[in-house]
Each structure stands twice: as structure tokens, then as C-alpha cells.
Amino acid sequence: MKTTELREVIACLPKGRTLYRYAKDDYAFRLLGRAVQSCATLEELRASPYGKLLEKPVVKDCMARGSSAQWFGPGFGAYREGQQTYRLSLDEWGGDGQQWSWRQTTRPGKSLVLQLNLTGRHHELMVGMLGDKEYDPFHFSCHPARKGRNATLAWARLDFDLETREALIEEIQTDRLRDVRALMRERPCKECGRIHWHGYRLDARQVKRFWEEEMKHHEAIWSEAILMASLEFLFGEIGVEKVFYHTFELGCRLKGITETRPPKSLYTSLPKKFCFRETGEIPAFLRGSRFRRRELKKVAEDSRFFVMD
């Protein structure tokens, strides 16, 4: 979308600190809470695209411990063990010019970026490991991420159209976890016993502490957390009625990704886990692009996008 349109939307959204709490598999409870609004009975819910979520052990356990009057309400599955606290923030990505392919946007213009940011605990443990309050080796300045006390763990790039009330999740990504995993693969020097990394000589015990006390907790939930936050933001704050999500092959083609491709699971198993369904439908706001129509014809009609409504 155009910069002026994007900034008008951002100006209308709530300001200030936005906390977001998430535990493993929370998406199942939150999606069921949304789905039940259009299902009159439990049988209808079972027959819906979200019915498979009722078979998840964590959901069955919560249902067994509560009464039917409590099922799928605001407290259903809340405050579960392992819950992490994040901060959400917004940014923008892209430009209004025609040379947009390197930015990996599906159409010319800007994406709205939803950032999932860490708390001060992350910063304190990182400083304890590095001994440096200013440098953040896990921040990549060419991506829409924050650094500092509330550094970005993951982000989602979103495109939407207020007239058609449709949205497209362009990308979800984390640099920080990828780079910390790379650090964890390093072995201490045989001579000094420290890990030589990016000009630093790190104490292996501090590196292990940073992983065990901080980053390990986010590894299993980051993709669920940023995707669920994006859906709640798009449906709840933006007010869209339908959210599209790229399939792997078409997404790479439309965004011009020819070399280093993203993790395939983010565009295959993750949307399926969230009960997106595959569709040959094309977002209305993409149909006007001659280039996009040509590219879309090269992909089978029954596997163009994932969609949730």
C-alpha cells in the first residue's frame, strides 16, 4: 500500500506499550474462541475447519477440567505454564517506487510490520554474556527489527486493503533465533577455553546461560506467537474479514525470492496447523497487477494461497 495510506492507518491505532502473552499451543485456544462465535453447537464446531483443534491434548485436558459453560471463553487455556511476555510494536517496510522486488513485497508499495519484541530480561542476559551495553550482534539493520532493551524477536510483514477488507501475510521471520543458534554451534577454543565469535571472546558458561534462561523459551513458540498476534491484529484492530497467507512456491515466485529461500515449514505446516485452508482464490487487491496475473497463471489454481475467514 502507499506510504500515506499506511501512515494514516498507523495513526488511528492504539498507542503506548502493548503487552502480548503467549504459551505453546495458545493458538488452539484462541482460534477455537473465535470459531465458536459462528457455531451454535459443539457438533458444528467439530465439523468446522477448526474441529481438529478439539483433539489436541492440551485442549482436551482443559475441557476435562472445566465445565461446558467455561469452554472457549476469555479464560479458556489462559495463564498456562511456560507463558512468555512480549511487547508488540509497528513499523513499515518498502517504498512507493516501482523497483520493489528486492524488498520482497508482492505488489509495489509498503508493508505494515508487526514486531514481537522481547523484554528487558533478554537485554540484561545478553549484556552479561557480551559485557557490552551498546552492541547487539543479533540485530540485522537491513530488516524491520528493533534493537536495544526491547529488541525484536520476530516480525510479520502485512499487506491489506480496507475497501476489500482483505489482508495478506507476506512473511514471518526471526533473525535473532537463527543467529543465536549459530552461536550455540560454536565450540570453545582449545587453548583459552572461550568461544571466539564476532570479535568477542565469550565465556561458554555465559553463552549457555543466555540460551537456557532466555532464548530456549522462545524457540518453540516464536512462529506461533507472531502468526497468532498477526491474526488478532488484522481481524481485531484492522477489521479485515479474510486473511490470505502465501504458499511456499507461489510466495517465493511473487516476492522474487530466487536464492536463499525461507524455511519451508513457515509456509506449509504452520498455516495448516492454524487451520488455514488452501484456495485458488486470489486477493482482490492483487488482481489488478498485469505482472501478478501472469505469474499466478504459472501455478496450479488449487494451491495458490492459504486463507482464513
C-alpha atoms as a PDB file:
ATOM      1  CA  MET A   1       0.000   0.000   0.000  1.00  0.00           C
ATOM      2  CA  LYS A   2       1.062   3.620  -0.367  1.00  0.00           C
ATOM      3  CA  THR A   3       3.004   5.342   2.403  1.00  0.00           C
ATOM      4  CA  THR A   4       0.270   7.915   3.024  1.00  0.00           C
ATOM      5  CA  GLU A   5      -2.391   5.202   3.398  1.00  0.00           C
ATOM      6  CA  LEU A   6      -0.213   3.127   5.694  1.00  0.00           C
ATOM      7  CA  ARG A   7       0.635   6.029   7.985  1.00  0.00           C
ATOM      8  CA  GLU A   8      -2.995   7.093   8.196  1.00  0.00           C
ATOM      9  CA  VAL A   9      -3.845   3.603   9.435  1.00  0.00           C
ATOM     10  CA  ILE A  10      -0.983   3.582  11.949  1.00  0.00           C
ATOM     11  CA  ALA A  11      -2.069   6.975  13.279  1.00  0.00           C
ATOM     12  CA  CYS A  12      -5.519   5.546  14.086  1.00  0.00           C
ATOM     13  CA  LEU A  13      -4.202   2.525  16.007  1.00  0.00           C
ATOM     14  CA  PRO A  14      -3.727   2.394  19.800  1.00  0.00           C
ATOM     15  CA  LYS A  15      -0.509   3.936  21.132  1.00  0.00           C
ATOM     16  CA  GLY A  16       1.696   3.037  24.062  1.00  0.00           C
ATOM     17  CA  ARG A  17       3.012  -0.213  25.487  1.00  0.00           C
ATOM     18  CA  THR A  18       1.184  -3.288  24.198  1.00  0.00           C
ATOM     19  CA  LEU A  19       1.980  -6.472  26.087  1.00  0.00           C
ATOM     20  CA  TYR A  20       1.351  -9.821  24.432  1.00  0.00           C
ATOM     21  CA  ARG A  21       1.463 -13.064  26.413  1.00  0.00           C
ATOM     22  CA  TYR A  22       1.816 -16.414  24.730  1.00  0.00           C
ATOM     23  CA  ALA A  23       2.445 -20.059  25.700  1.00  0.00           C
ATOM     24  CA  LYS A  24       2.983 -23.098  23.500  1.00  0.00           C
ATOM     25  CA  ASP A  25      -0.229 -24.086  21.635  1.00  0.00           C
ATOM     26  CA  ASP A  26      -2.141 -20.988  22.754  1.00  0.00           C
ATOM     27  CA  TYR A  27      -3.225 -20.549  19.134  1.00  0.00           C
ATOM     28  CA  ALA A  28      -5.572 -23.540  19.517  1.00  0.00           C
ATOM     29  CA  PHE A  29      -7.488 -21.914  22.386  1.00  0.00           C
ATOM     30  CA  ARG A  30      -7.637 -18.521  20.691  1.00  0.00           C
ATOM     31  CA  LEU A  31      -8.774 -19.867  17.323  1.00  0.00           C
ATOM     32  CA  LEU A  32     -11.442 -22.000  18.989  1.00  0.00           C
ATOM     33  CA  GLY A  33     -12.645 -18.946  20.895  1.00  0.00           C
ATOM     34  CA  ARG A  34     -13.066 -17.128  17.587  1.00  0.00           C
ATOM     35  CA  ALA A  35     -14.606 -20.086  15.743  1.00  0.00           C
ATOM     36  CA  VAL A  36     -17.271 -20.776  18.374  1.00  0.00           C
ATOM     37  CA  GLN A  37     -18.829 -17.383  17.658  1.00  0.00           C
ATOM     38  CA  SER A  38     -20.189 -18.765  14.383  1.00  0.00           C
ATOM     39  CA  CYS A  39     -21.021 -22.281  15.618  1.00  0.00           C
ATOM     40  CA  ALA A  40     -24.231 -22.923  17.545  1.00  0.00           C
ATOM     41  CA  THR A  41     -23.230 -26.341  18.903  1.00  0.00           C
ATOM     42  CA  LEU A  42     -20.144 -28.364  19.737  1.00  0.00           C
ATOM     43  CA  GLU A  43     -21.015 -30.677  16.839  1.00  0.00           C
ATOM     44  CA  GLU A  44     -20.915 -27.744  14.423  1.00  0.00           C
ATOM     45  CA  LEU A  45     -17.540 -26.735  15.814  1.00  0.00           C
ATOM     46  CA  ARG A  46     -16.209 -30.274  15.344  1.00  0.00           C
ATOM     47  CA  ALA A  47     -17.368 -30.220  11.712  1.00  0.00           C
ATOM     48  CA  SER A  48     -15.754 -26.832  11.037  1.00  0.00           C
ATOM     49  CA  PRO A  49     -12.167 -26.297   9.792  1.00  0.00           C
ATOM     50  CA  TYR A  50     -11.202 -25.755  13.445  1.00  0.00           C
ATOM     51  CA  GLY A  51     -12.620 -29.062  14.667  1.00  0.00           C
ATOM     52  CA  LYS A  52      -9.226 -30.773  14.667  1.00  0.00           C
ATOM     53  CA  LEU A  53      -8.069 -28.373  17.391  1.00  0.00           C
ATOM     54  CA  LEU A  54     -10.511 -30.054  19.791  1.00  0.00           C
ATOM     55  CA  GLU A  55      -8.378 -33.194  19.562  1.00  0.00           C
ATOM     56  CA  LYS A  56      -5.200 -31.526  20.773  1.00  0.00           C
ATOM     57  CA  PRO A  57      -4.221 -32.984  24.185  1.00  0.00           C
ATOM     58  CA  VAL A  58      -3.841 -29.535  25.782  1.00  0.00           C
ATOM     59  CA  VAL A  59      -7.348 -28.564  24.663  1.00  0.00           C
ATOM     60  CA  LYS A  60      -8.922 -31.852  25.752  1.00  0.00           C
ATOM     61  CA  ASP A  61      -7.237 -31.528  29.131  1.00  0.00           C
ATOM     62  CA  CYS A  62      -8.633 -28.007  29.680  1.00  0.00           C
ATOM     63  CA  MET A  63     -12.094 -29.113  28.607  1.00  0.00           C
ATOM     64  CA  ALA A  64     -11.952 -32.069  31.013  1.00  0.00           C
ATOM     65  CA  ARG A  65     -11.006 -29.827  33.940  1.00  0.00           C
ATOM     66  CA  GLY A  66     -13.735 -27.217  33.356  1.00  0.00           C
ATOM     67  CA  SER A  67     -17.457 -27.081  32.788  1.00  0.00           C
ATOM     68  CA  SER A  68     -19.031 -26.616  29.356  1.00  0.00           C
ATOM     69  CA  ALA A  69     -20.073 -23.115  30.415  1.00  0.00           C
ATOM     70  CA  GLN A  70     -16.373 -22.193  30.655  1.00  0.00           C
ATOM     71  CA  TRP A  71     -15.285 -23.683  27.363  1.00  0.00           C
ATOM     72  CA  PHE A  72     -13.963 -21.238  24.751  1.00  0.00           C
ATOM     73  CA  GLY A  73     -14.495 -18.179  26.952  1.00  0.00           C
ATOM     74  CA  PRO A  74     -11.823 -15.490  27.583  1.00  0.00           C
ATOM     75  CA  GLY A  75     -10.167 -17.579  30.303  1.00  0.00           C
ATOM     76  CA  PHE A  76     -10.102 -20.848  28.325  1.00  0.00           C
ATOM     77  CA  GLY A  77      -6.463 -22.010  28.288  1.00  0.00           C
ATOM     78  CA  ALA A  78      -5.203 -18.746  29.784  1.00  0.00           C
ATOM     79  CA  TYR A  79      -2.147 -18.450  32.067  1.00  0.00           C
ATOM     80  CA  ARG A  80      -0.676 -21.791  31.114  1.00  0.00           C
ATOM     81  CA  GLU A  81       2.778 -22.972  32.129  1.00  0.00           C
ATOM     82  CA  GLY A  82       5.629 -21.591  30.041  1.00  0.00           C
ATOM     83  CA  GLN A  83       3.849 -18.387  29.092  1.00  0.00           C
ATOM     84  CA  GLN A  84       6.185 -15.671  27.800  1.00  0.00           C
ATOM     85  CA  THR A  85       5.572 -11.931  27.795  1.00  0.00           C
ATOM     86  CA  TYR A  86       6.365  -9.842  24.709  1.00  0.00           C
ATOM     87  CA  ARG A  87       5.786  -6.287  23.559  1.00  0.00           C
ATOM     88  CA  LEU A  88       4.155  -5.520  20.219  1.00  0.00           C
ATOM     89  CA  SER A  89       5.122  -2.565  18.053  1.00  0.00           C
ATOM     90  CA  LEU A  90       4.520  -1.379  14.498  1.00  0.00           C
ATOM     91  CA  ASP A  91       6.865  -0.343  11.715  1.00  0.00           C
ATOM     92  CA  GLU A  92       6.788  -0.017   7.928  1.00  0.00           C
ATOM     93  CA  TRP A  93       8.765  -1.661   5.151  1.00  0.00           C
ATOM     94  CA  GLY A  94       9.201  -0.989   1.448  1.00  0.00           C
ATOM     95  CA  GLY A  95       8.675   2.099  -0.682  1.00  0.00           C
ATOM     96  CA  ASP A  96       6.350   3.753  -3.161  1.00  0.00           C
ATOM     97  CA  GLY A  97       8.610   3.332  -6.201  1.00  0.00           C
ATOM     98  CA  GLN A  98       8.285   0.716  -8.906  1.00  0.00           C
ATOM     99  CA  GLN A  99      11.577  -1.029  -8.078  1.00  0.00           C
ATOM    100  CA  TRP A 100      10.174  -3.082  -5.241  1.00  0.00           C
ATOM    101  CA  SER A 101      11.300  -6.637  -5.974  1.00  0.00           C
ATOM    102  CA  TRP A 102      14.353  -6.613  -3.681  1.00  0.00           C
ATOM    103  CA  ARG A 103      12.055  -5.719  -0.780  1.00  0.00           C
ATOM    104  CA  GLN A 104      10.154  -8.978  -1.377  1.00  0.00           C
ATOM    105  CA  THR A 105       6.703  -7.396  -1.402  1.00  0.00           C
ATOM    106  CA  THR A 106       4.015  -8.978  -3.547  1.00  0.00           C
ATOM    107  CA  ARG A 107       2.925  -5.640  -5.005  1.00  0.00           C
ATOM    108  CA  PRO A 108       4.530  -2.178  -5.208  1.00  0.00           C
ATOM    109  CA  GLY A 109       4.223  -0.154  -2.032  1.00  0.00           C
ATOM    110  CA  LYS A 110       4.784  -0.685   1.654  1.00  0.00           C
ATOM    111  CA  SER A 111       4.033  -3.428   4.129  1.00  0.00           C
ATOM    112  CA  LEU A 112       2.906  -2.835   7.681  1.00  0.00           C
ATOM    113  CA  VAL A 113       5.281  -4.601  10.063  1.00  0.00           C
ATOM    114  CA  LEU A 114       4.105  -6.119  13.332  1.00  0.00           C
ATOM    115  CA  GLN A 115       7.066  -6.687  15.648  1.00  0.00           C
ATOM    116  CA  LEU A 116       7.181  -9.200  18.504  1.00  0.00           C
ATOM    117  CA  ASN A 117       9.672  -7.703  20.941  1.00  0.00           C
ATOM    118  CA  LEU A 118      11.494  -9.127  23.947  1.00  0.00           C
ATOM    119  CA  THR A 119      11.561  -7.792  27.488  1.00  0.00           C
ATOM    120  CA  GLY A 120      14.471  -6.258  29.387  1.00  0.00           C
ATOM    121  CA  ARG A 121      15.482  -9.715  30.652  1.00  0.00           C
ATOM    122  CA  HIS A 122      16.832 -10.549  27.212  1.00  0.00           C
ATOM    123  CA  HIS A 123      18.944  -7.388  27.101  1.00  0.00           C
ATOM    124  CA  GLU A 124      20.358  -7.945  30.590  1.00  0.00           C
ATOM    125  CA  LEU A 125      21.404 -11.527  29.865  1.00  0.00           C
ATOM    126  CA  MET A 126      22.915 -10.534  26.513  1.00  0.00           C
ATOM    127  CA  VAL A 127      24.946  -7.747  28.160  1.00  0.00           C
ATOM    128  CA  GLY A 128      26.072 -10.228  30.815  1.00  0.00           C
ATOM    129  CA  MET A 129      27.338 -12.513  28.066  1.00  0.00           C
ATOM    130  CA  LEU A 130      28.963  -9.829  25.896  1.00  0.00           C
ATOM    131  CA  GLY A 131      29.991  -7.307  28.528  1.00  0.00           C
ATOM    132  CA  ASP A 132      28.895  -4.619  26.074  1.00  0.00           C
ATOM    133  CA  LYS A 133      25.770  -2.484  26.607  1.00  0.00           C
ATOM    134  CA  GLU A 134      25.736  -0.945  23.124  1.00  0.00           C
ATOM    135  CA  TYR A 135      26.489  -3.728  20.636  1.00  0.00           C
ATOM    136  CA  ASP A 136      23.806  -6.190  19.548  1.00  0.00           C
ATOM    137  CA  PRO A 137      25.282  -8.890  17.285  1.00  0.00           C
ATOM    138  CA  PHE A 138      21.853 -10.436  16.692  1.00  0.00           C
ATOM    139  CA  HIS A 139      20.370  -7.316  15.089  1.00  0.00           C
ATOM    140  CA  PHE A 140      20.310  -7.068  11.285  1.00  0.00           C
ATOM    141  CA  SER A 141      19.807  -3.426  10.343  1.00  0.00           C
ATOM    142  CA  CYS A 142      18.508  -4.230   6.842  1.00  0.00           C
ATOM    143  CA  HIS A 143      15.420  -5.903   8.295  1.00  0.00           C
ATOM    144  CA  PRO A 144      12.445  -4.276  10.064  1.00  0.00           C
ATOM    145  CA  ALA A 145      13.570  -5.115  13.588  1.00  0.00           C
ATOM    146  CA  ARG A 146      14.287  -3.133  16.743  1.00  0.00           C
ATOM    147  CA  LYS A 147      17.374  -3.305  18.915  1.00  0.00           C
ATOM    148  CA  GLY A 148      18.071  -2.127  22.445  1.00  0.00           C
ATOM    149  CA  ARG A 149      16.243  -3.038  25.619  1.00  0.00           C
ATOM    150  CA  ASN A 150      13.168  -4.340  23.763  1.00  0.00           C
ATOM    151  CA  ALA A 151      14.811  -5.985  20.786  1.00  0.00           C
ATOM    152  CA  THR A 152      12.687  -7.712  18.146  1.00  0.00           C
ATOM    153  CA  LEU A 153      12.458 -11.481  18.364  1.00  0.00           C
ATOM    154  CA  ALA A 154      10.287 -11.899  15.233  1.00  0.00           C
ATOM    155  CA  TRP A 155       8.159  -9.862  12.882  1.00  0.00           C
ATOM    156  CA  ALA A 156       5.405 -10.220  10.319  1.00  0.00           C
ATOM    157  CA  ARG A 157       5.026  -8.157   7.137  1.00  0.00           C
ATOM    158  CA  LEU A 158       1.368  -7.482   6.388  1.00  0.00           C
ATOM    159  CA  ASP A 159      -0.445  -6.043   3.373  1.00  0.00           C
ATOM    160  CA  PHE A 160      -4.140  -5.243   3.418  1.00  0.00           C
ATOM    161  CA  ASP A 161      -6.887  -3.332   1.655  1.00  0.00           C
ATOM    162  CA  LEU A 162      -9.562  -1.531   3.653  1.00  0.00           C
ATOM    163  CA  GLU A 163     -12.025  -1.495   0.750  1.00  0.00           C
ATOM    164  CA  THR A 164     -11.988  -5.228   0.084  1.00  0.00           C
ATOM    165  CA  ARG A 165     -11.352  -5.963   3.790  1.00  0.00           C
ATOM    166  CA  GLU A 166      -8.707  -8.489   2.842  1.00  0.00           C
ATOM    167  CA  ALA A 167      -5.178  -8.944   4.131  1.00  0.00           C
ATOM    168  CA  LEU A 168      -2.108 -10.878   3.039  1.00  0.00           C
ATOM    169  CA  ILE A 169       0.566 -12.119   5.430  1.00  0.00           C
ATOM    170  CA  GLU A 170       3.670 -11.608   3.328  1.00  0.00           C
ATOM    171  CA  GLU A 171       6.286 -13.034   5.668  1.00  0.00           C
ATOM    172  CA  ILE A 172       7.118 -14.032   9.210  1.00  0.00           C
ATOM    173  CA  GLN A 173      10.743 -14.209  10.240  1.00  0.00           C
ATOM    174  CA  THR A 174      13.285 -14.210  13.054  1.00  0.00           C
ATOM    175  CA  ASP A 175      16.934 -13.217  12.653  1.00  0.00           C
ATOM    176  CA  ARG A 176      17.633 -13.319  16.367  1.00  0.00           C
ATOM    177  CA  LEU A 177      16.932 -17.002  16.987  1.00  0.00           C
ATOM    178  CA  ARG A 178      18.764 -18.017  13.820  1.00  0.00           C
ATOM    179  CA  ASP A 179      21.882 -16.115  14.886  1.00  0.00           C
ATOM    180  CA  VAL A 180      21.786 -17.344  18.483  1.00  0.00           C
ATOM    181  CA  ARG A 181      21.516 -20.911  17.190  1.00  0.00           C
ATOM    182  CA  ALA A 182      24.641 -20.224  15.104  1.00  0.00           C
ATOM    183  CA  LEU A 183      26.421 -19.041  18.236  1.00  0.00           C
ATOM    184  CA  MET A 184      25.382 -22.192  20.100  1.00  0.00           C
ATOM    185  CA  ARG A 185      27.041 -24.330  17.428  1.00  0.00           C
ATOM    186  CA  GLU A 186      30.413 -22.697  18.109  1.00  0.00           C
ATOM    187  CA  ARG A 187      32.913 -24.684  20.192  1.00  0.00           C
ATOM    188  CA  PRO A 188      35.288 -23.214  22.800  1.00  0.00           C
ATOM    189  CA  CYS A 189      38.892 -22.617  21.792  1.00  0.00           C
ATOM    190  CA  LYS A 190      41.121 -25.460  22.983  1.00  0.00           C
ATOM    191  CA  GLU A 191      43.804 -23.027  24.100  1.00  0.00           C
ATOM    192  CA  CYS A 192      41.797 -20.416  26.043  1.00  0.00           C
ATOM    193  CA  GLY A 193      38.536 -22.251  26.689  1.00  0.00           C
ATOM    194  CA  ARG A 194      36.447 -19.345  25.359  1.00  0.00           C
ATOM    195  CA  ILE A 195      34.221 -19.024  22.310  1.00  0.00           C
ATOM    196  CA  HIS A 196      35.674 -16.712  19.656  1.00  0.00           C
ATOM    197  CA  TRP A 197      32.750 -15.008  17.933  1.00  0.00           C
ATOM    198  CA  HIS A 198      32.354 -11.678  16.103  1.00  0.00           C
ATOM    199  CA  GLY A 199      35.494 -10.283  17.734  1.00  0.00           C
ATOM    200  CA  TYR A 200      34.403 -11.327  21.240  1.00  0.00           C
ATOM    201  CA  ARG A 201      35.878 -13.980  23.497  1.00  0.00           C
ATOM    202  CA  LEU A 202      32.843 -15.360  25.270  1.00  0.00           C
ATOM    203  CA  ASP A 203      32.656 -17.440  28.411  1.00  0.00           C
ATOM    204  CA  ALA A 204      30.967 -20.717  27.383  1.00  0.00           C
ATOM    205  CA  ARG A 205      29.031 -20.759  30.679  1.00  0.00           C
ATOM    206  CA  GLN A 206      27.560 -17.313  29.951  1.00  0.00           C
ATOM    207  CA  VAL A 207      26.596 -18.408  26.448  1.00  0.00           C
ATOM    208  CA  LYS A 208      24.840 -21.480  27.855  1.00  0.00           C
ATOM    209  CA  ARG A 209      23.076 -19.330  30.456  1.00  0.00           C
ATOM    210  CA  PHE A 210      21.861 -16.935  27.757  1.00  0.00           C
ATOM    211  CA  TRP A 211      20.363 -19.860  25.855  1.00  0.00           C
ATOM    212  CA  GLU A 212      18.933 -21.786  28.815  1.00  0.00           C
ATOM    213  CA  GLU A 213      17.439 -18.836  30.703  1.00  0.00           C
ATOM    214  CA  GLU A 214      16.219 -16.818  27.740  1.00  0.00           C
ATOM    215  CA  MET A 215      16.340 -17.947  24.120  1.00  0.00           C
ATOM    216  CA  LYS A 216      15.336 -21.593  24.594  1.00  0.00           C
ATOM    217  CA  HIS A 217      11.920 -20.475  25.863  1.00  0.00           C
ATOM    218  CA  HIS A 218      11.158 -18.674  22.595  1.00  0.00           C
ATOM    219  CA  GLU A 219      12.423 -21.265  20.114  1.00  0.00           C
ATOM    220  CA  ALA A 220       9.342 -23.500  20.203  1.00  0.00           C
ATOM    221  CA  ILE A 221       6.752 -20.706  20.202  1.00  0.00           C
ATOM    222  CA  TRP A 222       8.044 -17.749  18.186  1.00  0.00           C
ATOM    223  CA  SER A 223       6.319 -18.668  14.899  1.00  0.00           C
ATOM    224  CA  GLU A 224       3.022 -19.465  16.640  1.00  0.00           C
ATOM    225  CA  ALA A 225       3.195 -16.254  18.667  1.00  0.00           C
ATOM    226  CA  ILE A 226       3.869 -13.885  15.755  1.00  0.00           C
ATOM    227  CA  LEU A 227       1.292 -15.545  13.484  1.00  0.00           C
ATOM    228  CA  MET A 228      -1.398 -15.509  16.201  1.00  0.00           C
ATOM    229  CA  ALA A 229      -0.584 -11.890  17.071  1.00  0.00           C
ATOM    230  CA  SER A 230      -0.871 -11.001  13.374  1.00  0.00           C
ATOM    231  CA  LEU A 231      -4.269 -12.667  13.019  1.00  0.00           C
ATOM    232  CA  GLU A 232      -5.648 -10.991  16.145  1.00  0.00           C
ATOM    233  CA  PHE A 233      -4.284  -7.667  14.949  1.00  0.00           C
ATOM    234  CA  LEU A 234      -5.712  -7.980  11.431  1.00  0.00           C
ATOM    235  CA  PHE A 235      -9.147  -9.220  12.482  1.00  0.00           C
ATOM    236  CA  GLY A 236      -9.422  -7.167  15.668  1.00  0.00           C
ATOM    237  CA  GLU A 237      -7.636  -3.864  15.008  1.00  0.00           C
ATOM    238  CA  ILE A 238      -7.656  -3.511  11.225  1.00  0.00           C
ATOM    239  CA  GLY A 239     -11.094  -5.115  10.822  1.00  0.00           C
ATOM    240  CA  VAL A 240     -10.433  -7.344   7.832  1.00  0.00           C
ATOM    241  CA  GLU A 241     -12.757 -10.254   7.089  1.00  0.00           C
ATOM    242  CA  LYS A 242     -10.373 -12.521   5.226  1.00  0.00           C
ATOM    243  CA  VAL A 243      -6.643 -13.204   5.695  1.00  0.00           C
ATOM    244  CA  PHE A 244      -4.524 -14.791   2.966  1.00  0.00           C
ATOM    245  CA  TYR A 245      -1.159 -16.437   3.559  1.00  0.00           C
ATOM    246  CA  HIS A 246       1.439 -17.361   0.952  1.00  0.00           C
ATOM    247  CA  THR A 247       2.045 -20.945  -0.083  1.00  0.00           C
ATOM    248  CA  PHE A 248       5.738 -21.701  -0.382  1.00  0.00           C
ATOM    249  CA  GLU A 249       6.295 -21.902  -4.143  1.00  0.00           C
ATOM    250  CA  LEU A 250       3.949 -19.089  -5.135  1.00  0.00           C
ATOM    251  CA  GLY A 251       5.196 -16.886  -2.321  1.00  0.00           C
ATOM    252  CA  CYS A 252       8.803 -17.233  -3.475  1.00  0.00           C
ATOM    253  CA  ARG A 253       7.747 -16.509  -7.067  1.00  0.00           C
ATOM    254  CA  LEU A 254       5.652 -13.437  -6.310  1.00  0.00           C
ATOM    255  CA  LYS A 255       8.184 -11.969  -3.892  1.00  0.00           C
ATOM    256  CA  GLY A 256      11.129 -12.576  -6.213  1.00  0.00           C
ATOM    257  CA  ILE A 257      12.981 -14.962  -3.875  1.00  0.00           C
ATOM    258  CA  THR A 258      15.309 -16.978  -6.090  1.00  0.00           C
ATOM    259  CA  GLU A 259      18.332 -17.789  -3.925  1.00  0.00           C
ATOM    260  CA  THR A 260      18.154 -18.051  -0.125  1.00  0.00           C
ATOM    261  CA  ARG A 261      14.623 -19.282   0.446  1.00  0.00           C
ATOM    262  CA  PRO A 262      12.839 -19.045   3.801  1.00  0.00           C
ATOM    263  CA  PRO A 263      12.207 -22.134   5.980  1.00  0.00           C
ATOM    264  CA  LYS A 264       9.595 -24.120   4.056  1.00  0.00           C
ATOM    265  CA  SER A 265       7.660 -25.115   7.177  1.00  0.00           C
ATOM    266  CA  LEU A 266       6.607 -21.492   7.746  1.00  0.00           C
ATOM    267  CA  TYR A 267       4.589 -21.664   4.513  1.00  0.00           C
ATOM    268  CA  THR A 268       3.398 -25.284   4.692  1.00  0.00           C
ATOM    269  CA  SER A 269       2.942 -26.917   8.110  1.00  0.00           C
ATOM    270  CA  LEU A 270       2.474 -23.687  10.110  1.00  0.00           C
ATOM    271  CA  PRO A 271      -0.612 -22.343   8.250  1.00  0.00           C
ATOM    272  CA  LYS A 272      -2.098 -25.846   8.167  1.00  0.00           C
ATOM    273  CA  LYS A 273      -1.605 -26.124  11.927  1.00  0.00           C
ATOM    274  CA  PHE A 274      -3.550 -22.869  12.266  1.00  0.00           C
ATOM    275  CA  CYS A 275      -6.416 -24.314  10.170  1.00  0.00           C
ATOM    276  CA  PHE A 276      -5.871 -22.136   7.111  1.00  0.00           C
ATOM    277  CA  ARG A 277      -7.356 -23.824   4.074  1.00  0.00           C
ATOM    278  CA  GLU A 278      -5.802 -23.934   0.613  1.00  0.00           C
ATOM    279  CA  THR A 279      -7.609 -21.966  -2.061  1.00  0.00           C
ATOM    280  CA  GLY A 280      -7.413 -20.987  -5.705  1.00  0.00           C
ATOM    281  CA  GLU A 281      -8.873 -17.596  -4.808  1.00  0.00           C
ATOM    282  CA  ILE A 282      -6.685 -14.543  -5.337  1.00  0.00           C
ATOM    283  CA  PRO A 283      -6.821 -11.489  -3.057  1.00  0.00           C
ATOM    284  CA  ALA A 284      -8.827  -8.864  -4.922  1.00  0.00           C
ATOM    285  CA  PHE A 285      -6.187  -6.194  -4.417  1.00  0.00           C
ATOM    286  CA  LEU A 286      -3.627  -8.310  -6.304  1.00  0.00           C
ATOM    287  CA  ARG A 287      -5.774  -8.908  -9.376  1.00  0.00           C
ATOM    288  CA  GLY A 288      -5.077  -5.522 -10.923  1.00  0.00           C
ATOM    289  CA  SER A 289      -1.377  -6.173 -11.492  1.00  0.00           C
ATOM    290  CA  ARG A 290      -0.580  -7.389 -15.003  1.00  0.00           C
ATOM    291  CA  PHE A 291       2.701  -8.908 -13.816  1.00  0.00           C
ATOM    292  CA  ARG A 292       0.994 -10.708 -10.955  1.00  0.00           C
ATOM    293  CA  ARG A 293      -1.712 -12.147 -13.216  1.00  0.00           C
ATOM    294  CA  ARG A 294       0.989 -13.571 -15.459  1.00  0.00           C
ATOM    295  CA  GLU A 295       2.832 -15.129 -12.531  1.00  0.00           C
ATOM    296  CA  LEU A 296      -0.314 -16.550 -10.969  1.00  0.00           C
ATOM    297  CA  LYS A 297      -1.188 -18.420 -14.157  1.00  0.00           C
ATOM    298  CA  LYS A 298       2.015 -20.451 -13.807  1.00  0.00           C
ATOM    299  CA  VAL A 299       0.860 -22.060 -10.562  1.00  0.00           C
ATOM    300  CA  ALA A 300      -1.912 -24.626 -10.127  1.00  0.00           C
ATOM    301  CA  GLU A 301      -5.208 -22.929  -9.326  1.00  0.00           C
ATOM    302  CA  ASP A 302      -5.946 -25.178  -6.354  1.00  0.00           C
ATOM    303  CA  SER A 303      -2.813 -24.252  -4.415  1.00  0.00           C
ATOM    304  CA  ARG A 304      -2.316 -20.530  -4.859  1.00  0.00           C
ATOM    305  CA  PHE A 305      -2.828 -19.306  -1.294  1.00  0.00           C
ATOM    306  CA  PHE A 306      -3.907 -20.285   2.180  1.00  0.00           C
ATOM    307  CA  VAL A 307      -6.922 -18.377   3.526  1.00  0.00           C
ATOM    308  CA  MET A 308      -8.751 -17.836   6.814  1.00  0.00           C
ATOM    309  CA  ASP A 309     -12.083 -16.007   7.200  1.00  0.00           C
END
